[in-house]
N, C-alpha and C. Protein backbone atom coordinates (compact mmCIF):
# COMPACT_ATOMS: atom_id res chain seq x y z
N MET A 1 -10.30 -27.24 8.83
CA MET A 1 -11.30 -26.21 9.02
C MET A 1 -12.11 -26.05 7.75
N ASP A 2 -13.42 -25.82 7.94
CA ASP A 2 -14.27 -25.54 6.79
C ASP A 2 -14.15 -24.06 6.44
N GLY A 3 -14.24 -23.78 5.19
CA GLY A 3 -14.19 -22.42 4.70
C GLY A 3 -14.48 -22.43 3.22
N PHE A 4 -14.30 -21.32 2.56
CA PHE A 4 -14.47 -21.32 1.11
C PHE A 4 -13.34 -20.54 0.48
N VAL A 5 -13.18 -20.78 -0.84
CA VAL A 5 -12.06 -20.22 -1.57
C VAL A 5 -12.59 -19.33 -2.68
N ILE A 6 -11.98 -18.20 -2.83
CA ILE A 6 -12.26 -17.31 -3.95
C ILE A 6 -10.97 -17.22 -4.75
N GLN A 7 -11.06 -17.60 -6.04
CA GLN A 7 -9.86 -17.54 -6.87
C GLN A 7 -10.08 -16.53 -7.98
N ARG A 8 -9.08 -15.74 -8.23
CA ARG A 8 -9.14 -14.74 -9.28
C ARG A 8 -7.89 -14.86 -10.13
N ILE A 9 -8.10 -14.97 -11.47
CA ILE A 9 -6.96 -15.03 -12.39
C ILE A 9 -6.75 -13.63 -12.95
N ILE A 10 -5.56 -13.13 -12.85
CA ILE A 10 -5.23 -11.79 -13.32
C ILE A 10 -4.23 -11.92 -14.46
N PRO A 11 -4.65 -11.67 -15.73
CA PRO A 11 -3.71 -11.81 -16.86
C PRO A 11 -2.69 -10.69 -16.89
N ASN A 12 -1.49 -11.04 -17.31
CA ASN A 12 -0.42 -10.08 -17.51
C ASN A 12 0.16 -10.34 -18.89
N PRO A 13 -0.50 -9.82 -19.97
CA PRO A 13 -0.09 -10.14 -21.33
C PRO A 13 1.32 -9.68 -21.68
N LYS A 14 1.81 -8.63 -21.04
CA LYS A 14 3.15 -8.13 -21.37
C LYS A 14 4.21 -9.17 -21.05
N GLN A 15 4.00 -9.94 -20.00
CA GLN A 15 4.99 -10.95 -19.62
C GLN A 15 4.52 -12.36 -19.96
N ASN A 16 3.38 -12.47 -20.66
CA ASN A 16 2.82 -13.75 -21.03
C ASN A 16 2.61 -14.65 -19.81
N THR A 17 2.12 -14.06 -18.73
CA THR A 17 1.88 -14.80 -17.49
C THR A 17 0.51 -14.45 -16.93
N CYS A 18 0.11 -15.20 -15.93
CA CYS A 18 -1.10 -14.90 -15.17
C CYS A 18 -0.75 -14.95 -13.70
N TRP A 19 -1.40 -14.13 -12.92
CA TRP A 19 -1.30 -14.20 -11.48
C TRP A 19 -2.56 -14.87 -10.99
N SER A 20 -2.41 -15.82 -10.13
CA SER A 20 -3.55 -16.48 -9.53
C SER A 20 -3.61 -16.03 -8.08
N GLN A 21 -4.69 -15.38 -7.71
CA GLN A 21 -4.83 -14.88 -6.36
C GLN A 21 -5.92 -15.71 -5.67
N VAL A 22 -5.57 -16.36 -4.61
CA VAL A 22 -6.50 -17.22 -3.90
C VAL A 22 -6.71 -16.67 -2.50
N LYS A 23 -7.97 -16.52 -2.12
CA LYS A 23 -8.31 -16.09 -0.76
C LYS A 23 -9.00 -17.25 -0.08
N ARG A 24 -8.47 -17.64 1.04
CA ARG A 24 -9.12 -18.69 1.83
C ARG A 24 -9.78 -17.99 3.01
N LEU A 25 -11.06 -18.16 3.09
CA LEU A 25 -11.82 -17.50 4.14
C LEU A 25 -12.31 -18.55 5.13
N PHE A 26 -12.02 -18.32 6.40
CA PHE A 26 -12.45 -19.23 7.45
C PHE A 26 -13.27 -18.44 8.46
N PRO A 27 -14.28 -19.06 8.99
CA PRO A 27 -15.10 -18.35 9.97
C PRO A 27 -14.26 -17.86 11.13
N GLY A 28 -14.47 -16.59 11.50
CA GLY A 28 -13.80 -16.01 12.65
C GLY A 28 -12.36 -15.62 12.41
N GLN A 29 -11.85 -15.78 11.20
CA GLN A 29 -10.47 -15.41 10.93
C GLN A 29 -10.42 -14.42 9.78
N MET A 30 -9.33 -13.71 9.70
CA MET A 30 -9.13 -12.80 8.59
C MET A 30 -8.79 -13.61 7.35
N ALA A 31 -9.05 -13.05 6.18
CA ALA A 31 -8.77 -13.75 4.93
C ALA A 31 -7.28 -13.89 4.73
N ALA A 32 -6.88 -15.07 4.34
CA ALA A 32 -5.49 -15.31 4.00
C ALA A 32 -5.39 -15.28 2.48
N THR A 33 -4.44 -14.55 1.93
CA THR A 33 -4.30 -14.41 0.50
C THR A 33 -2.97 -14.97 0.04
N GLU A 34 -3.03 -15.82 -0.96
CA GLU A 34 -1.82 -16.34 -1.59
C GLU A 34 -1.82 -15.88 -3.04
N THR A 35 -0.67 -15.44 -3.51
CA THR A 35 -0.57 -15.04 -4.90
C THR A 35 0.57 -15.81 -5.55
N THR A 36 0.27 -16.45 -6.69
CA THR A 36 1.30 -17.20 -7.40
C THR A 36 1.30 -16.79 -8.86
N GLU A 37 2.45 -16.89 -9.50
CA GLU A 37 2.57 -16.55 -10.91
C GLU A 37 2.53 -17.84 -11.74
N THR A 38 1.75 -17.79 -12.85
CA THR A 38 1.65 -18.94 -13.74
C THR A 38 2.14 -18.52 -15.11
N THR A 39 3.03 -19.31 -15.71
CA THR A 39 3.57 -18.97 -17.03
C THR A 39 2.88 -19.75 -18.13
N LYS A 40 1.74 -20.33 -17.86
CA LYS A 40 1.04 -21.14 -18.85
C LYS A 40 -0.17 -20.40 -19.41
N MET A 41 -0.08 -19.09 -19.53
CA MET A 41 -1.19 -18.31 -20.06
C MET A 41 -1.54 -18.76 -21.47
N LYS A 42 -0.53 -19.03 -22.29
CA LYS A 42 -0.80 -19.48 -23.67
C LYS A 42 -1.54 -20.81 -23.67
N THR A 43 -1.22 -21.67 -22.74
CA THR A 43 -1.84 -22.98 -22.69
C THR A 43 -3.34 -22.88 -22.47
N LEU A 44 -3.78 -21.92 -21.68
CA LEU A 44 -5.21 -21.75 -21.42
C LEU A 44 -5.90 -20.91 -22.48
N ILE A 45 -5.26 -19.84 -22.91
CA ILE A 45 -5.91 -18.90 -23.81
C ILE A 45 -5.98 -19.41 -25.24
N ALA A 46 -4.93 -20.03 -25.75
CA ALA A 46 -4.92 -20.47 -27.15
C ALA A 46 -6.06 -21.43 -27.47
N PRO A 47 -6.29 -22.49 -26.67
CA PRO A 47 -7.41 -23.38 -26.99
C PRO A 47 -8.77 -22.68 -26.86
N THR A 48 -8.90 -21.79 -25.91
CA THR A 48 -10.15 -21.06 -25.74
C THR A 48 -10.45 -20.20 -26.96
N ILE A 49 -9.46 -19.49 -27.46
CA ILE A 49 -9.64 -18.65 -28.65
C ILE A 49 -9.95 -19.52 -29.86
N ALA A 50 -9.24 -20.63 -30.01
CA ALA A 50 -9.48 -21.52 -31.15
C ALA A 50 -10.91 -22.04 -31.15
N LEU A 51 -11.41 -22.45 -29.99
CA LEU A 51 -12.80 -22.93 -29.90
C LEU A 51 -13.79 -21.82 -30.22
N ALA A 52 -13.53 -20.63 -29.74
CA ALA A 52 -14.44 -19.51 -30.00
C ALA A 52 -14.48 -19.17 -31.49
N LEU A 53 -13.35 -19.26 -32.16
CA LEU A 53 -13.31 -18.95 -33.58
C LEU A 53 -13.91 -20.06 -34.44
N MET A 54 -13.85 -21.29 -33.99
CA MET A 54 -14.39 -22.40 -34.76
C MET A 54 -15.90 -22.51 -34.63
N ALA A 55 -16.49 -22.04 -33.56
CA ALA A 55 -17.93 -22.20 -33.34
C ALA A 55 -18.78 -21.59 -34.46
N PRO A 56 -18.53 -20.34 -34.91
CA PRO A 56 -19.35 -19.82 -36.00
C PRO A 56 -19.20 -20.61 -37.29
N ALA A 57 -18.03 -21.18 -37.54
CA ALA A 57 -17.83 -21.95 -38.76
C ALA A 57 -18.71 -23.20 -38.77
N ALA A 58 -18.99 -23.73 -37.60
CA ALA A 58 -19.80 -24.93 -37.52
C ALA A 58 -21.25 -24.67 -37.95
N ILE A 59 -21.71 -23.42 -37.80
CA ILE A 59 -23.10 -23.11 -38.17
C ILE A 59 -23.19 -22.22 -39.40
N ALA A 60 -22.06 -21.91 -40.03
CA ALA A 60 -22.06 -21.04 -41.21
C ALA A 60 -22.73 -21.74 -42.39
N GLN A 61 -23.31 -20.94 -43.27
CA GLN A 61 -23.94 -21.46 -44.47
C GLN A 61 -23.09 -21.11 -45.67
N SER A 62 -23.40 -21.74 -46.78
CA SER A 62 -22.67 -21.47 -48.01
C SER A 62 -23.38 -20.42 -48.84
N MET A 63 -22.62 -19.74 -49.68
CA MET A 63 -23.16 -18.75 -50.60
C MET A 63 -24.01 -19.44 -51.66
N THR A 64 -25.00 -18.73 -52.17
CA THR A 64 -25.85 -19.24 -53.25
C THR A 64 -25.81 -18.27 -54.41
N VAL A 65 -25.63 -18.79 -55.62
CA VAL A 65 -25.66 -17.98 -56.83
C VAL A 65 -26.86 -18.44 -57.65
N THR A 66 -27.77 -17.51 -57.95
CA THR A 66 -28.92 -17.82 -58.79
C THR A 66 -28.71 -17.16 -60.14
N LYS A 67 -28.66 -17.94 -61.17
CA LYS A 67 -28.45 -17.43 -62.53
C LYS A 67 -29.72 -16.78 -63.06
N ALA A 68 -29.57 -15.74 -63.85
CA ALA A 68 -30.71 -15.01 -64.41
C ALA A 68 -31.66 -15.95 -65.15
N GLU A 69 -31.10 -16.89 -65.90
CA GLU A 69 -31.96 -17.79 -66.68
C GLU A 69 -32.74 -18.77 -65.80
N ASP A 70 -32.35 -18.89 -64.51
CA ASP A 70 -33.06 -19.78 -63.60
C ASP A 70 -34.20 -19.08 -62.85
N ARG A 71 -34.33 -17.77 -63.02
CA ARG A 71 -35.38 -17.02 -62.33
C ARG A 71 -36.62 -16.96 -63.23
N ALA A 72 -37.41 -17.97 -63.20
CA ALA A 72 -38.60 -18.03 -64.06
C ALA A 72 -39.64 -17.02 -63.59
N GLY A 73 -40.19 -16.29 -64.52
CA GLY A 73 -41.23 -15.32 -64.20
C GLY A 73 -42.55 -15.73 -64.82
N GLN A 74 -43.51 -14.82 -64.73
CA GLN A 74 -44.83 -15.09 -65.30
C GLN A 74 -45.53 -13.77 -65.58
N ILE A 75 -46.55 -13.83 -66.40
CA ILE A 75 -47.37 -12.65 -66.67
C ILE A 75 -48.13 -12.32 -65.39
N GLY A 76 -48.13 -11.05 -65.00
CA GLY A 76 -48.81 -10.63 -63.78
C GLY A 76 -50.31 -10.88 -63.85
N SER A 77 -50.89 -11.14 -62.71
CA SER A 77 -52.32 -11.44 -62.61
C SER A 77 -53.18 -10.25 -63.01
N ALA A 78 -54.28 -10.54 -63.70
CA ALA A 78 -55.24 -9.50 -64.07
C ALA A 78 -55.92 -8.92 -62.83
N ASP A 79 -55.79 -9.58 -61.69
CA ASP A 79 -56.35 -9.04 -60.44
C ASP A 79 -55.53 -7.86 -59.92
N THR A 80 -54.26 -7.81 -60.28
CA THR A 80 -53.37 -6.78 -59.73
C THR A 80 -52.70 -5.90 -60.78
N PHE A 81 -52.87 -6.23 -62.07
CA PHE A 81 -52.26 -5.44 -63.14
C PHE A 81 -53.27 -5.19 -64.25
N THR A 82 -53.11 -4.05 -64.92
CA THR A 82 -53.85 -3.75 -66.15
C THR A 82 -52.82 -3.81 -67.28
N GLY A 83 -53.13 -4.49 -68.37
CA GLY A 83 -52.18 -4.63 -69.47
C GLY A 83 -51.21 -5.76 -69.19
N THR A 84 -50.11 -5.79 -69.95
CA THR A 84 -49.15 -6.88 -69.82
C THR A 84 -47.97 -6.47 -68.96
N ALA A 85 -47.83 -7.17 -67.84
CA ALA A 85 -46.70 -6.98 -66.93
C ALA A 85 -46.08 -8.35 -66.70
N TYR A 86 -44.77 -8.44 -66.86
CA TYR A 86 -44.05 -9.69 -66.65
C TYR A 86 -43.31 -9.57 -65.32
N VAL A 87 -43.55 -10.51 -64.39
CA VAL A 87 -43.00 -10.44 -63.03
C VAL A 87 -42.08 -11.65 -62.82
N ALA A 88 -40.82 -11.36 -62.48
CA ALA A 88 -39.84 -12.42 -62.20
C ALA A 88 -39.24 -12.19 -60.82
N PRO A 89 -39.24 -13.20 -59.95
CA PRO A 89 -38.63 -13.02 -58.63
C PRO A 89 -37.12 -12.79 -58.77
N VAL A 90 -36.58 -11.89 -57.97
CA VAL A 90 -35.13 -11.67 -57.93
C VAL A 90 -34.55 -12.42 -56.74
N PHE A 91 -35.14 -12.19 -55.56
CA PHE A 91 -34.76 -12.98 -54.39
C PHE A 91 -35.94 -13.07 -53.43
N PRO A 92 -36.04 -14.23 -52.74
CA PRO A 92 -37.15 -14.45 -51.81
C PRO A 92 -36.86 -13.77 -50.47
N PRO A 93 -37.84 -13.74 -49.56
CA PRO A 93 -37.67 -13.06 -48.28
C PRO A 93 -36.85 -13.86 -47.27
N GLU A 94 -35.60 -14.16 -47.61
CA GLU A 94 -34.73 -14.93 -46.71
C GLU A 94 -33.92 -14.03 -45.78
N MET A 95 -33.83 -12.74 -46.07
CA MET A 95 -33.02 -11.81 -45.30
C MET A 95 -33.93 -10.74 -44.71
N ASN A 96 -34.22 -10.86 -43.42
CA ASN A 96 -35.08 -9.89 -42.73
C ASN A 96 -36.42 -9.70 -43.43
N ASP A 97 -36.93 -10.75 -44.05
CA ASP A 97 -38.23 -10.74 -44.73
C ASP A 97 -38.29 -9.73 -45.88
N VAL A 98 -37.12 -9.42 -46.48
CA VAL A 98 -37.05 -8.52 -47.64
C VAL A 98 -37.02 -9.37 -48.90
N SER A 99 -37.83 -8.98 -49.89
CA SER A 99 -37.85 -9.69 -51.17
C SER A 99 -37.79 -8.68 -52.31
N ALA A 100 -37.52 -9.18 -53.50
CA ALA A 100 -37.48 -8.30 -54.67
C ALA A 100 -38.00 -9.05 -55.89
N GLY A 101 -38.60 -8.29 -56.78
CA GLY A 101 -39.06 -8.82 -58.05
C GLY A 101 -38.66 -7.87 -59.16
N GLU A 102 -38.41 -8.43 -60.35
CA GLU A 102 -38.14 -7.61 -61.52
C GLU A 102 -39.44 -7.58 -62.33
N VAL A 103 -39.96 -6.38 -62.58
CA VAL A 103 -41.23 -6.24 -63.27
C VAL A 103 -41.02 -5.43 -64.55
N THR A 104 -41.49 -5.99 -65.66
CA THR A 104 -41.45 -5.29 -66.95
C THR A 104 -42.89 -5.01 -67.37
N PHE A 105 -43.19 -3.73 -67.58
CA PHE A 105 -44.51 -3.29 -68.03
C PHE A 105 -44.41 -2.92 -69.51
N LEU A 106 -45.26 -3.49 -70.34
CA LEU A 106 -45.35 -3.07 -71.74
C LEU A 106 -46.15 -1.77 -71.80
N PRO A 107 -46.05 -1.00 -72.90
CA PRO A 107 -46.77 0.28 -72.96
C PRO A 107 -48.24 0.13 -72.56
N GLY A 108 -48.69 1.05 -71.70
CA GLY A 108 -50.06 1.05 -71.22
C GLY A 108 -50.30 0.18 -70.00
N ALA A 109 -49.36 -0.67 -69.61
CA ALA A 109 -49.54 -1.57 -68.46
C ALA A 109 -49.18 -0.85 -67.16
N ARG A 110 -49.88 -1.24 -66.09
CA ARG A 110 -49.63 -0.63 -64.78
C ARG A 110 -50.15 -1.54 -63.68
N SER A 111 -49.66 -1.27 -62.48
CA SER A 111 -50.15 -2.00 -61.31
C SER A 111 -51.49 -1.41 -60.88
N ALA A 112 -52.18 -2.14 -60.02
CA ALA A 112 -53.37 -1.57 -59.35
C ALA A 112 -52.87 -0.67 -58.22
N TRP A 113 -53.75 0.11 -57.64
CA TRP A 113 -53.41 0.87 -56.45
C TRP A 113 -53.01 -0.13 -55.36
N HIS A 114 -52.01 0.20 -54.60
CA HIS A 114 -51.58 -0.71 -53.53
C HIS A 114 -50.73 0.03 -52.50
N THR A 115 -50.53 -0.63 -51.36
CA THR A 115 -49.67 -0.10 -50.29
C THR A 115 -48.72 -1.21 -49.84
N HIS A 116 -47.67 -0.80 -49.14
CA HIS A 116 -46.71 -1.75 -48.56
C HIS A 116 -46.52 -1.40 -47.09
N PRO A 117 -46.66 -2.38 -46.18
CA PRO A 117 -46.57 -2.08 -44.75
C PRO A 117 -45.20 -1.58 -44.31
N ALA A 118 -44.14 -1.94 -45.03
CA ALA A 118 -42.80 -1.47 -44.68
C ALA A 118 -42.23 -0.55 -45.76
N GLY A 119 -43.06 -0.15 -46.72
CA GLY A 119 -42.59 0.69 -47.81
C GLY A 119 -42.06 -0.15 -48.96
N GLN A 120 -41.71 0.53 -50.06
CA GLN A 120 -41.19 -0.16 -51.24
C GLN A 120 -40.18 0.74 -51.95
N MET A 121 -39.11 0.13 -52.42
CA MET A 121 -38.10 0.81 -53.20
C MET A 121 -38.20 0.30 -54.63
N LEU A 122 -38.29 1.21 -55.59
CA LEU A 122 -38.29 0.85 -57.01
C LEU A 122 -36.98 1.33 -57.61
N VAL A 123 -36.25 0.43 -58.25
CA VAL A 123 -35.01 0.77 -58.93
C VAL A 123 -35.26 0.55 -60.42
N ILE A 124 -35.34 1.65 -61.18
CA ILE A 124 -35.70 1.56 -62.59
C ILE A 124 -34.44 1.19 -63.38
N THR A 125 -34.53 0.09 -64.15
CA THR A 125 -33.36 -0.42 -64.86
C THR A 125 -33.41 -0.20 -66.37
N HIS A 126 -34.63 -0.10 -66.94
CA HIS A 126 -34.77 0.09 -68.40
C HIS A 126 -36.03 0.90 -68.68
N GLY A 127 -35.96 1.73 -69.69
CA GLY A 127 -37.14 2.41 -70.20
C GLY A 127 -37.62 3.59 -69.38
N THR A 128 -38.88 3.96 -69.63
CA THR A 128 -39.50 5.12 -68.99
C THR A 128 -40.91 4.72 -68.57
N GLY A 129 -41.28 5.11 -67.35
CA GLY A 129 -42.61 4.78 -66.84
C GLY A 129 -43.16 5.89 -65.98
N TRP A 130 -44.30 5.62 -65.36
CA TRP A 130 -44.94 6.58 -64.47
C TRP A 130 -45.16 5.95 -63.10
N VAL A 131 -45.17 6.80 -62.09
CA VAL A 131 -45.50 6.41 -60.73
C VAL A 131 -46.34 7.52 -60.13
N GLN A 132 -47.34 7.15 -59.30
CA GLN A 132 -48.23 8.16 -58.75
C GLN A 132 -48.70 7.74 -57.36
N GLU A 133 -48.67 8.69 -56.45
CA GLU A 133 -49.25 8.54 -55.13
C GLU A 133 -50.68 9.05 -55.21
N ARG A 134 -51.61 8.37 -54.56
CA ARG A 134 -53.02 8.78 -54.64
C ARG A 134 -53.16 10.24 -54.20
N GLY A 135 -53.88 11.01 -55.05
CA GLY A 135 -54.14 12.42 -54.74
C GLY A 135 -53.02 13.36 -55.13
N GLU A 136 -51.95 12.82 -55.70
CA GLU A 136 -50.79 13.64 -56.08
C GLU A 136 -50.57 13.57 -57.59
N GLU A 137 -49.65 14.39 -58.08
CA GLU A 137 -49.31 14.41 -59.51
C GLU A 137 -48.58 13.12 -59.90
N LYS A 138 -48.73 12.72 -61.14
CA LYS A 138 -48.01 11.58 -61.70
C LYS A 138 -46.57 12.03 -61.98
N HIS A 139 -45.60 11.13 -61.72
CA HIS A 139 -44.18 11.43 -61.96
C HIS A 139 -43.63 10.48 -63.01
N THR A 140 -42.71 10.99 -63.83
CA THR A 140 -42.00 10.16 -64.79
C THR A 140 -40.82 9.52 -64.08
N MET A 141 -40.61 8.24 -64.33
CA MET A 141 -39.43 7.53 -63.80
C MET A 141 -38.74 6.87 -64.99
N GLN A 142 -37.41 6.91 -64.98
CA GLN A 142 -36.66 6.33 -66.10
C GLN A 142 -35.42 5.63 -65.60
N ALA A 143 -34.80 4.86 -66.49
CA ALA A 143 -33.63 4.06 -66.12
C ALA A 143 -32.64 4.88 -65.30
N GLY A 144 -32.22 4.30 -64.19
CA GLY A 144 -31.28 4.97 -63.28
C GLY A 144 -31.96 5.64 -62.10
N ASP A 145 -33.27 5.89 -62.19
CA ASP A 145 -34.00 6.51 -61.08
C ASP A 145 -34.30 5.49 -59.99
N VAL A 146 -34.45 6.00 -58.76
CA VAL A 146 -34.87 5.18 -57.63
C VAL A 146 -36.05 5.89 -56.99
N VAL A 147 -37.13 5.15 -56.75
CA VAL A 147 -38.35 5.71 -56.18
C VAL A 147 -38.59 5.06 -54.82
N TRP A 148 -38.81 5.86 -53.78
CA TRP A 148 -39.15 5.36 -52.44
C TRP A 148 -40.63 5.62 -52.20
N CYS A 149 -41.37 4.57 -51.91
CA CYS A 149 -42.79 4.66 -51.55
C CYS A 149 -42.88 4.33 -50.06
N PRO A 150 -43.16 5.31 -49.19
CA PRO A 150 -43.17 5.07 -47.74
C PRO A 150 -44.25 4.07 -47.32
N PRO A 151 -44.11 3.50 -46.13
CA PRO A 151 -45.10 2.54 -45.63
C PRO A 151 -46.51 3.13 -45.64
N GLY A 152 -47.46 2.33 -46.11
CA GLY A 152 -48.86 2.71 -46.07
C GLY A 152 -49.30 3.73 -47.10
N VAL A 153 -48.40 4.23 -47.95
CA VAL A 153 -48.77 5.24 -48.95
C VAL A 153 -49.32 4.53 -50.19
N GLU A 154 -50.57 4.84 -50.54
CA GLU A 154 -51.22 4.21 -51.68
C GLU A 154 -50.65 4.79 -52.98
N HIS A 155 -50.27 3.91 -53.90
CA HIS A 155 -49.62 4.34 -55.13
C HIS A 155 -49.81 3.28 -56.22
N TRP A 156 -49.41 3.65 -57.43
CA TRP A 156 -49.32 2.70 -58.54
C TRP A 156 -48.08 3.05 -59.34
N HIS A 157 -47.61 2.11 -60.17
CA HIS A 157 -46.49 2.36 -61.07
C HIS A 157 -46.63 1.46 -62.28
N GLY A 158 -46.05 1.93 -63.40
CA GLY A 158 -46.13 1.16 -64.63
C GLY A 158 -45.49 1.90 -65.78
N ALA A 159 -45.76 1.41 -66.99
CA ALA A 159 -45.22 2.01 -68.21
C ALA A 159 -45.98 3.28 -68.57
N THR A 160 -45.43 4.06 -69.48
CA THR A 160 -46.19 5.17 -70.05
C THR A 160 -47.11 4.57 -71.12
N ASP A 161 -47.88 5.40 -71.74
CA ASP A 161 -48.77 4.90 -72.80
C ASP A 161 -48.02 4.54 -74.08
N THR A 162 -46.74 4.98 -74.20
CA THR A 162 -45.98 4.70 -75.44
C THR A 162 -44.65 3.98 -75.21
N THR A 163 -44.22 3.83 -73.96
CA THR A 163 -42.92 3.21 -73.68
C THR A 163 -43.06 2.11 -72.62
N SER A 164 -42.17 1.15 -72.68
CA SER A 164 -42.13 0.11 -71.64
C SER A 164 -41.16 0.55 -70.55
N VAL A 165 -41.25 -0.11 -69.40
CA VAL A 165 -40.35 0.17 -68.28
C VAL A 165 -40.12 -1.11 -67.51
N THR A 166 -38.90 -1.25 -67.00
CA THR A 166 -38.56 -2.38 -66.13
C THR A 166 -37.96 -1.83 -64.85
N HIS A 167 -38.37 -2.41 -63.74
CA HIS A 167 -37.79 -2.00 -62.44
C HIS A 167 -37.68 -3.18 -61.50
N TYR A 168 -36.78 -3.03 -60.52
CA TYR A 168 -36.75 -3.95 -59.38
C TYR A 168 -37.66 -3.35 -58.33
N ALA A 169 -38.55 -4.16 -57.78
CA ALA A 169 -39.42 -3.75 -56.69
C ALA A 169 -38.94 -4.48 -55.44
N ILE A 170 -38.49 -3.71 -54.44
CA ILE A 170 -37.90 -4.28 -53.23
C ILE A 170 -38.76 -3.87 -52.05
N GLN A 171 -39.20 -4.86 -51.27
CA GLN A 171 -40.08 -4.58 -50.15
C GLN A 171 -39.89 -5.64 -49.06
N ALA A 172 -40.28 -5.27 -47.84
CA ALA A 172 -40.20 -6.20 -46.70
C ALA A 172 -41.61 -6.57 -46.27
N GLY A 173 -41.72 -7.77 -45.77
CA GLY A 173 -43.00 -8.22 -45.24
C GLY A 173 -43.17 -7.81 -43.79
N VAL A 174 -44.40 -7.58 -43.40
CA VAL A 174 -44.75 -7.31 -42.01
C VAL A 174 -45.90 -8.25 -41.67
N ASP A 175 -45.73 -9.05 -40.64
CA ASP A 175 -46.75 -10.04 -40.27
C ASP A 175 -47.14 -10.92 -41.46
N GLY A 176 -46.15 -11.30 -42.27
CA GLY A 176 -46.38 -12.23 -43.37
C GLY A 176 -46.90 -11.61 -44.66
N SER A 177 -47.03 -10.29 -44.71
CA SER A 177 -47.54 -9.65 -45.93
C SER A 177 -46.64 -8.49 -46.35
N ALA A 178 -46.36 -8.40 -47.66
CA ALA A 178 -45.52 -7.32 -48.17
C ALA A 178 -46.32 -6.30 -48.97
N VAL A 179 -47.58 -6.61 -49.29
CA VAL A 179 -48.40 -5.70 -50.12
C VAL A 179 -49.87 -5.90 -49.81
N THR A 180 -50.61 -4.81 -49.91
CA THR A 180 -52.07 -4.85 -49.84
C THR A 180 -52.60 -4.22 -51.12
N TRP A 181 -53.28 -5.03 -51.93
CA TRP A 181 -53.77 -4.57 -53.23
C TRP A 181 -55.12 -3.89 -53.09
N GLY A 182 -55.30 -2.84 -53.90
CA GLY A 182 -56.57 -2.12 -53.97
C GLY A 182 -57.18 -2.28 -55.35
N GLU A 183 -58.01 -1.29 -55.72
CA GLU A 183 -58.69 -1.39 -57.01
C GLU A 183 -57.75 -1.00 -58.15
N HIS A 184 -58.18 -1.35 -59.38
CA HIS A 184 -57.41 -1.02 -60.57
C HIS A 184 -57.36 0.48 -60.79
N VAL A 185 -56.26 0.94 -61.38
CA VAL A 185 -56.13 2.33 -61.81
C VAL A 185 -57.00 2.49 -63.06
N THR A 186 -57.91 3.42 -63.02
CA THR A 186 -58.80 3.58 -64.18
C THR A 186 -58.04 4.23 -65.35
N ASP A 187 -58.61 4.10 -66.55
CA ASP A 187 -57.99 4.76 -67.70
C ASP A 187 -57.94 6.26 -67.51
N GLU A 188 -58.95 6.81 -66.85
CA GLU A 188 -58.98 8.26 -66.59
C GLU A 188 -57.83 8.65 -65.64
N GLU A 189 -57.64 7.88 -64.54
CA GLU A 189 -56.55 8.16 -63.61
C GLU A 189 -55.20 7.98 -64.31
N TYR A 190 -55.07 6.96 -65.11
CA TYR A 190 -53.81 6.67 -65.80
C TYR A 190 -53.48 7.76 -66.80
N GLY A 191 -54.47 8.26 -67.52
CA GLY A 191 -54.23 9.27 -68.55
C GLY A 191 -54.08 10.68 -68.05
N SER A 192 -54.45 10.93 -66.81
CA SER A 192 -54.39 12.32 -66.30
C SER A 192 -53.00 12.74 -65.87
């Protein structure tokens, strides 16, 4: 007789067994059900678990250590900085398009006005500097401080007129861009 079979495996971990329930369905007849106990649960489950655990290892990557002396920096562009600013990459945008740079501003140096589409975190590591949101008061930032600049908020940051400052600038890219540069901070804006 033609018909079809529905098989269901029911695990019983307490007894290390499985029940196999088979229903044979034939046209015009009631379903016949057979239930059998299988003691080979380990035989099926152990290889399945082993394969599942090995799969991520096959695509895993290795850790990378970048030494400080290998992170070559450069003097910041006169298009985006006033004065002397030294910019060294800390890490590229390999993780969710987040990148970081270490920036050292000599006294009197500062960034131009700019915004970040996903915001920017500044972690001040050395010295004392200033940060300002357009239209707001200038704030002092010093070693140990953390500054959050929300997405799209126009701001600048840099050294004071007498002290240098170093910070990590951490930002994420949106549609391939992490910053939109504006005009230079004037001496009048910087000194006020």
